[in-house]
Amino acid sequence: MATYLASKYGCDKLVLVSPAFEYINPIQNLRTIKEAFRRRLFGINKIKTMMEQEFGYNHKGKQIKLKTYRDFIMLTNYCKRNTGILNVPVRFYHGDNDEIIPLNSSLHAYRRFICEDKLVSIIPKGRHMLLTGESADQIITSITSFLSKSPVKEETTLV
């Protein structure tokens, strides 16, 4: 979403936390659920919730249909096509243990950004919800530092 807004409206800097530049893979997600169940990482209620989310997310009795997934795919494709036009400093933060978005999503997107001022921070043992995990304070400090520095803008002189 941040990449979409930046490409549509512009920005001075961009911060992406566990960005989804790759599609959600339902088969891989089912494998993750199966493995989690096998390893007893989650109780049965958590497994049921994950299955609901996989086959149709139910929020307060409202079903979110496949249209949501289709819209996500369209947004992801738009962002993939437009990362090359964003020439702004960018920071990626991604956990190496993200159970939702593969780390390669950030690594591939990093390569597509044309700005020289770009950095990927891979958070050891980091899960998908990085800003609520044990590394949250360190990540937030890094983001704050990045955003508070003045961007270097090229000046043009009219003759």
C-alpha atoms as a PDB file:
ATOM      1  CA  MET A   1       0.000   0.000   0.000  1.00  0.00           C
ATOM      2  CA  ALA A   2       2.828   2.424   0.847  1.00  0.00           C
ATOM      3  CA  THR A   3       4.479   1.797  -2.520  1.00  0.00           C
ATOM      4  CA  TYR A   4       1.186   2.413  -4.303  1.00  0.00           C
ATOM      5  CA  LEU A   5       0.621   5.720  -2.486  1.00  0.00           C
ATOM      6  CA  ALA A   6       4.238   6.805  -3.053  1.00  0.00           C
ATOM      7  CA  SER A   7       4.054   6.088  -6.783  1.00  0.00           C
ATOM      8  CA  LYS A   8       0.678   7.794  -7.120  1.00  0.00           C
ATOM      9  CA  TYR A   9       1.264  10.896  -4.968  1.00  0.00           C
ATOM     10  CA  GLY A  10       5.035  11.060  -4.522  1.00  0.00           C
ATOM     11  CA  CYS A  11       7.103  11.157  -1.346  1.00  0.00           C
ATOM     12  CA  ASP A  12      10.532  12.166  -0.075  1.00  0.00           C
ATOM     13  CA  LYS A  13      11.336   8.814   1.569  1.00  0.00           C
ATOM     14  CA  LEU A  14       9.771   5.395   1.792  1.00  0.00           C
ATOM     15  CA  VAL A  15       9.733   2.820   4.598  1.00  0.00           C
ATOM     16  CA  LEU A  16       8.473  -0.697   3.869  1.00  0.00           C
ATOM     17  CA  VAL A  17       7.917  -3.186   6.685  1.00  0.00           C
ATOM     18  CA  SER A  18       7.386  -6.768   5.484  1.00  0.00           C
ATOM     19  CA  PRO A  19       6.132  -5.548   2.100  1.00  0.00           C
ATOM     20  CA  ALA A  20       3.980  -7.918   0.067  1.00  0.00           C
ATOM     21  CA  PHE A  21       5.441  -7.691  -3.424  1.00  0.00           C
ATOM     22  CA  GLU A  22       4.726 -11.374  -3.939  1.00  0.00           C
ATOM     23  CA  TYR A  23       1.343 -13.035  -3.943  1.00  0.00           C
ATOM     24  CA  ILE A  24       0.048 -14.901  -0.979  1.00  0.00           C
ATOM     25  CA  ASN A  25       0.588 -18.531  -1.856  1.00  0.00           C
ATOM     26  CA  PRO A  26      -2.407 -20.540  -0.569  1.00  0.00           C
ATOM     27  CA  ILE A  27      -0.587 -23.869  -1.032  1.00  0.00           C
ATOM     28  CA  GLN A  28       2.423 -22.636   0.959  1.00  0.00           C
ATOM     29  CA  ASN A  29       0.097 -21.207   3.605  1.00  0.00           C
ATOM     30  CA  LEU A  30      -1.628 -24.600   3.944  1.00  0.00           C
ATOM     31  CA  ARG A  31       1.796 -26.204   4.360  1.00  0.00           C
ATOM     32  CA  THR A  32       2.614 -23.640   7.053  1.00  0.00           C
ATOM     33  CA  ILE A  33      -0.663 -24.394   8.829  1.00  0.00           C
ATOM     34  CA  LYS A  34      -0.033 -28.145   8.586  1.00  0.00           C
ATOM     35  CA  GLU A  35       3.519 -27.736   9.906  1.00  0.00           C
ATOM     36  CA  ALA A  36       2.338 -25.470  12.737  1.00  0.00           C
ATOM     37  CA  PHE A  37      -0.257 -28.055  13.702  1.00  0.00           C
ATOM     38  CA  ARG A  38       2.298 -30.865  13.504  1.00  0.00           C
ATOM     39  CA  ARG A  39       4.707 -28.936  15.718  1.00  0.00           C
ATOM     40  CA  ARG A  40       1.833 -27.895  18.006  1.00  0.00           C
ATOM     41  CA  LEU A  41       2.727 -24.234  17.632  1.00  0.00           C
ATOM     42  CA  PHE A  42      -0.927 -23.245  17.769  1.00  0.00           C
ATOM     43  CA  GLY A  43      -4.023 -24.561  19.495  1.00  0.00           C
ATOM     44  CA  ILE A  44      -6.962 -25.844  17.487  1.00  0.00           C
ATOM     45  CA  ASN A  45      -8.747 -22.461  17.657  1.00  0.00           C
ATOM     46  CA  LYS A  46      -5.747 -20.739  16.092  1.00  0.00           C
ATOM     47  CA  ILE A  47      -5.679 -23.383  13.340  1.00  0.00           C
ATOM     48  CA  LYS A  48      -9.412 -22.851  12.662  1.00  0.00           C
ATOM     49  CA  THR A  49      -8.828 -19.113  12.485  1.00  0.00           C
ATOM     50  CA  MET A  50      -5.941 -19.550  10.055  1.00  0.00           C
ATOM     51  CA  MET A  51      -8.080 -21.835   7.863  1.00  0.00           C
ATOM     52  CA  GLU A  52     -10.913 -19.267   7.881  1.00  0.00           C
ATOM     53  CA  GLN A  53      -8.470 -16.616   6.795  1.00  0.00           C
ATOM     54  CA  GLU A  54      -7.082 -18.853   4.074  1.00  0.00           C
ATOM     55  CA  PHE A  55     -10.416 -19.699   2.486  1.00  0.00           C
ATOM     56  CA  GLY A  56     -12.429 -16.582   3.248  1.00  0.00           C
ATOM     57  CA  TYR A  57     -11.636 -14.149   6.009  1.00  0.00           C
ATOM     58  CA  ASN A  58     -14.557 -13.594   8.363  1.00  0.00           C
ATOM     59  CA  HIS A  59     -14.471 -10.323  10.307  1.00  0.00           C
ATOM     60  CA  LYS A  60     -17.365  -9.591  12.676  1.00  0.00           C
ATOM     61  CA  GLY A  61     -19.643 -11.859  10.686  1.00  0.00           C
ATOM     62  CA  LYS A  62     -18.814 -10.199   7.361  1.00  0.00           C
ATOM     63  CA  GLN A  63     -17.297 -12.427   4.732  1.00  0.00           C
ATOM     64  CA  ILE A  64     -14.516 -10.951   2.630  1.00  0.00           C
ATOM     65  CA  LYS A  65     -14.659 -12.754  -0.691  1.00  0.00           C
ATOM     66  CA  LEU A  66     -12.108 -13.659  -3.318  1.00  0.00           C
ATOM     67  CA  LYS A  67     -12.500 -10.115  -4.698  1.00  0.00           C
ATOM     68  CA  THR A  68     -10.220  -8.999  -1.876  1.00  0.00           C
ATOM     69  CA  TYR A  69      -7.565 -11.464  -2.997  1.00  0.00           C
ATOM     70  CA  ARG A  70      -7.993 -10.359  -6.630  1.00  0.00           C
ATOM     71  CA  ASP A  71      -7.662  -6.697  -5.603  1.00  0.00           C
ATOM     72  CA  PHE A  72      -4.524  -7.565  -3.649  1.00  0.00           C
ATOM     73  CA  ILE A  73      -3.031  -9.239  -6.739  1.00  0.00           C
ATOM     74  CA  MET A  74      -3.862  -6.194  -8.879  1.00  0.00           C
ATOM     75  CA  LEU A  75      -2.296  -3.828  -6.322  1.00  0.00           C
ATOM     76  CA  THR A  76       0.792  -6.035  -6.055  1.00  0.00           C
ATOM     77  CA  ASN A  77       1.207  -6.087  -9.842  1.00  0.00           C
ATOM     78  CA  TYR A  78       0.855  -2.298  -9.987  1.00  0.00           C
ATOM     79  CA  CYS A  79       3.509  -1.877  -7.304  1.00  0.00           C
ATOM     80  CA  LYS A  80       5.903  -4.286  -9.011  1.00  0.00           C
ATOM     81  CA  ARG A  81       5.602  -2.341 -12.261  1.00  0.00           C
ATOM     82  CA  ASN A  82       6.101   1.025 -10.574  1.00  0.00           C
ATOM     83  CA  THR A  83       8.955   0.405  -8.137  1.00  0.00           C
ATOM     84  CA  GLY A  84      11.396   1.301 -10.911  1.00  0.00           C
ATOM     85  CA  ILE A  85       9.978   4.812 -11.223  1.00  0.00           C
ATOM     86  CA  LEU A  86      10.383   5.624  -7.534  1.00  0.00           C
ATOM     87  CA  ASN A  87      13.693   7.405  -7.077  1.00  0.00           C
ATOM     88  CA  VAL A  88      13.499   8.094  -3.347  1.00  0.00           C
ATOM     89  CA  PRO A  89      15.508   6.778  -0.402  1.00  0.00           C
ATOM     90  CA  VAL A  90      13.913   3.536   0.785  1.00  0.00           C
ATOM     91  CA  ARG A  91      14.313   1.265   3.798  1.00  0.00           C
ATOM     92  CA  PHE A  92      13.060  -2.308   3.991  1.00  0.00           C
ATOM     93  CA  TYR A  93      12.536  -4.174   7.255  1.00  0.00           C
ATOM     94  CA  HIS A  94      11.732  -7.865   7.024  1.00  0.00           C
ATOM     95  CA  GLY A  95      11.912 -10.719   9.500  1.00  0.00           C
ATOM     96  CA  ASP A  96      13.817 -13.819   8.477  1.00  0.00           C
ATOM     97  CA  ASN A  97      11.068 -15.884  10.128  1.00  0.00           C
ATOM     98  CA  ASP A  98       8.077 -14.090   8.553  1.00  0.00           C
ATOM     99  CA  GLU A  99       5.246 -16.594   8.367  1.00  0.00           C
ATOM    100  CA  ILE A 100       3.109 -14.526   5.957  1.00  0.00           C
ATOM    101  CA  ILE A 101       5.344 -12.751   3.421  1.00  0.00           C
ATOM    102  CA  PRO A 102       8.501 -14.466   2.131  1.00  0.00           C
ATOM    103  CA  LEU A 103      11.787 -12.618   2.677  1.00  0.00           C
ATOM    104  CA  ASN A 104      12.384 -12.772  -1.079  1.00  0.00           C
ATOM    105  CA  SER A 105       9.520 -10.312  -1.487  1.00  0.00           C
ATOM    106  CA  SER A 106      11.699  -7.587   0.067  1.00  0.00           C
ATOM    107  CA  LEU A 107      14.912  -8.746  -1.599  1.00  0.00           C
ATOM    108  CA  HIS A 108      13.407  -8.743  -5.097  1.00  0.00           C
ATOM    109  CA  ALA A 109      11.746  -5.355  -4.545  1.00  0.00           C
ATOM    110  CA  TYR A 110      15.032  -3.923  -3.226  1.00  0.00           C
ATOM    111  CA  ARG A 111      16.727  -4.813  -6.515  1.00  0.00           C
ATOM    112  CA  ARG A 112      13.997  -3.071  -8.523  1.00  0.00           C
ATOM    113  CA  PHE A 113      14.231   0.295  -6.728  1.00  0.00           C
ATOM    114  CA  ILE A 114      16.494   2.630  -8.702  1.00  0.00           C
ATOM    115  CA  CYS A 115      17.570   4.914  -5.858  1.00  0.00           C
ATOM    116  CA  GLU A 116      21.141   4.509  -4.624  1.00  0.00           C
ATOM    117  CA  ASP A 117      20.059   5.233  -1.030  1.00  0.00           C
ATOM    118  CA  LYS A 118      18.342   1.945  -0.227  1.00  0.00           C
ATOM    119  CA  LEU A 119      18.811  -0.591   2.531  1.00  0.00           C
ATOM    120  CA  VAL A 120      17.302  -3.925   3.570  1.00  0.00           C
ATOM    121  CA  SER A 121      17.359  -4.749   7.266  1.00  0.00           C
ATOM    122  CA  ILE A 122      16.753  -8.437   7.877  1.00  0.00           C
ATOM    123  CA  ILE A 123      15.587  -8.931  11.438  1.00  0.00           C
ATOM    124  CA  PRO A 124      16.862 -12.197  12.970  1.00  0.00           C
ATOM    125  CA  LYS A 125      13.988 -14.380  14.241  1.00  0.00           C
ATOM    126  CA  GLY A 126      11.618 -11.606  13.136  1.00  0.00           C
ATOM    127  CA  ARG A 127       8.044 -12.639  12.454  1.00  0.00           C
ATOM    128  CA  HIS A 128       5.478 -10.829  10.327  1.00  0.00           C
ATOM    129  CA  MET A 129       4.330  -8.349  12.980  1.00  0.00           C
ATOM    130  CA  LEU A 130       7.761  -6.746  13.354  1.00  0.00           C
ATOM    131  CA  LEU A 131       6.529  -3.561  14.979  1.00  0.00           C
ATOM    132  CA  THR A 132       4.981  -5.497  17.858  1.00  0.00           C
ATOM    133  CA  GLY A 133       7.775  -8.044  18.376  1.00  0.00           C
ATOM    134  CA  GLU A 134      10.876  -7.988  20.535  1.00  0.00           C
ATOM    135  CA  SER A 135      12.822  -5.972  17.938  1.00  0.00           C
ATOM    136  CA  ALA A 136      10.122  -3.298  17.674  1.00  0.00           C
ATOM    137  CA  ASP A 137      11.982  -0.586  19.618  1.00  0.00           C
ATOM    138  CA  GLN A 138      15.153  -1.044  17.570  1.00  0.00           C
ATOM    139  CA  ILE A 139      13.211  -0.970  14.279  1.00  0.00           C
ATOM    140  CA  ILE A 140      11.182   2.093  15.282  1.00  0.00           C
ATOM    141  CA  THR A 141      14.376   3.903  16.318  1.00  0.00           C
ATOM    142  CA  SER A 142      15.936   3.080  12.947  1.00  0.00           C
ATOM    143  CA  ILE A 143      12.841   4.267  11.059  1.00  0.00           C
ATOM    144  CA  THR A 144      12.655   7.474  13.096  1.00  0.00           C
ATOM    145  CA  SER A 145      16.328   8.204  12.454  1.00  0.00           C
ATOM    146  CA  PHE A 146      15.913   7.600   8.711  1.00  0.00           C
ATOM    147  CA  LEU A 147      12.801   9.770   8.430  1.00  0.00           C
ATOM    148  CA  SER A 148      14.188  12.635  10.524  1.00  0.00           C
ATOM    149  CA  LYS A 149      17.273  13.142   8.345  1.00  0.00           C
ATOM    150  CA  SER A 150      16.788  15.750   5.648  1.00  0.00           C
ATOM    151  CA  PRO A 151      16.769  14.235   2.184  1.00  0.00           C
ATOM    152  CA  VAL A 152      19.486  15.423  -0.156  1.00  0.00           C
ATOM    153  CA  LYS A 153      17.746  16.996  -3.118  1.00  0.00           C
ATOM    154  CA  GLU A 154      19.428  17.923  -6.335  1.00  0.00           C
ATOM    155  CA  GLU A 155      19.108  21.592  -7.070  1.00  0.00           C
ATOM    156  CA  THR A 156      18.727  22.871 -10.568  1.00  0.00           C
ATOM    157  CA  THR A 157      19.794  26.328 -11.583  1.00  0.00           C
ATOM    158  CA  LEU A 158      17.869  28.157 -14.242  1.00  0.00           C
ATOM    159  CA  VAL A 159      20.085  30.250 -16.489  1.00  0.00           C
END
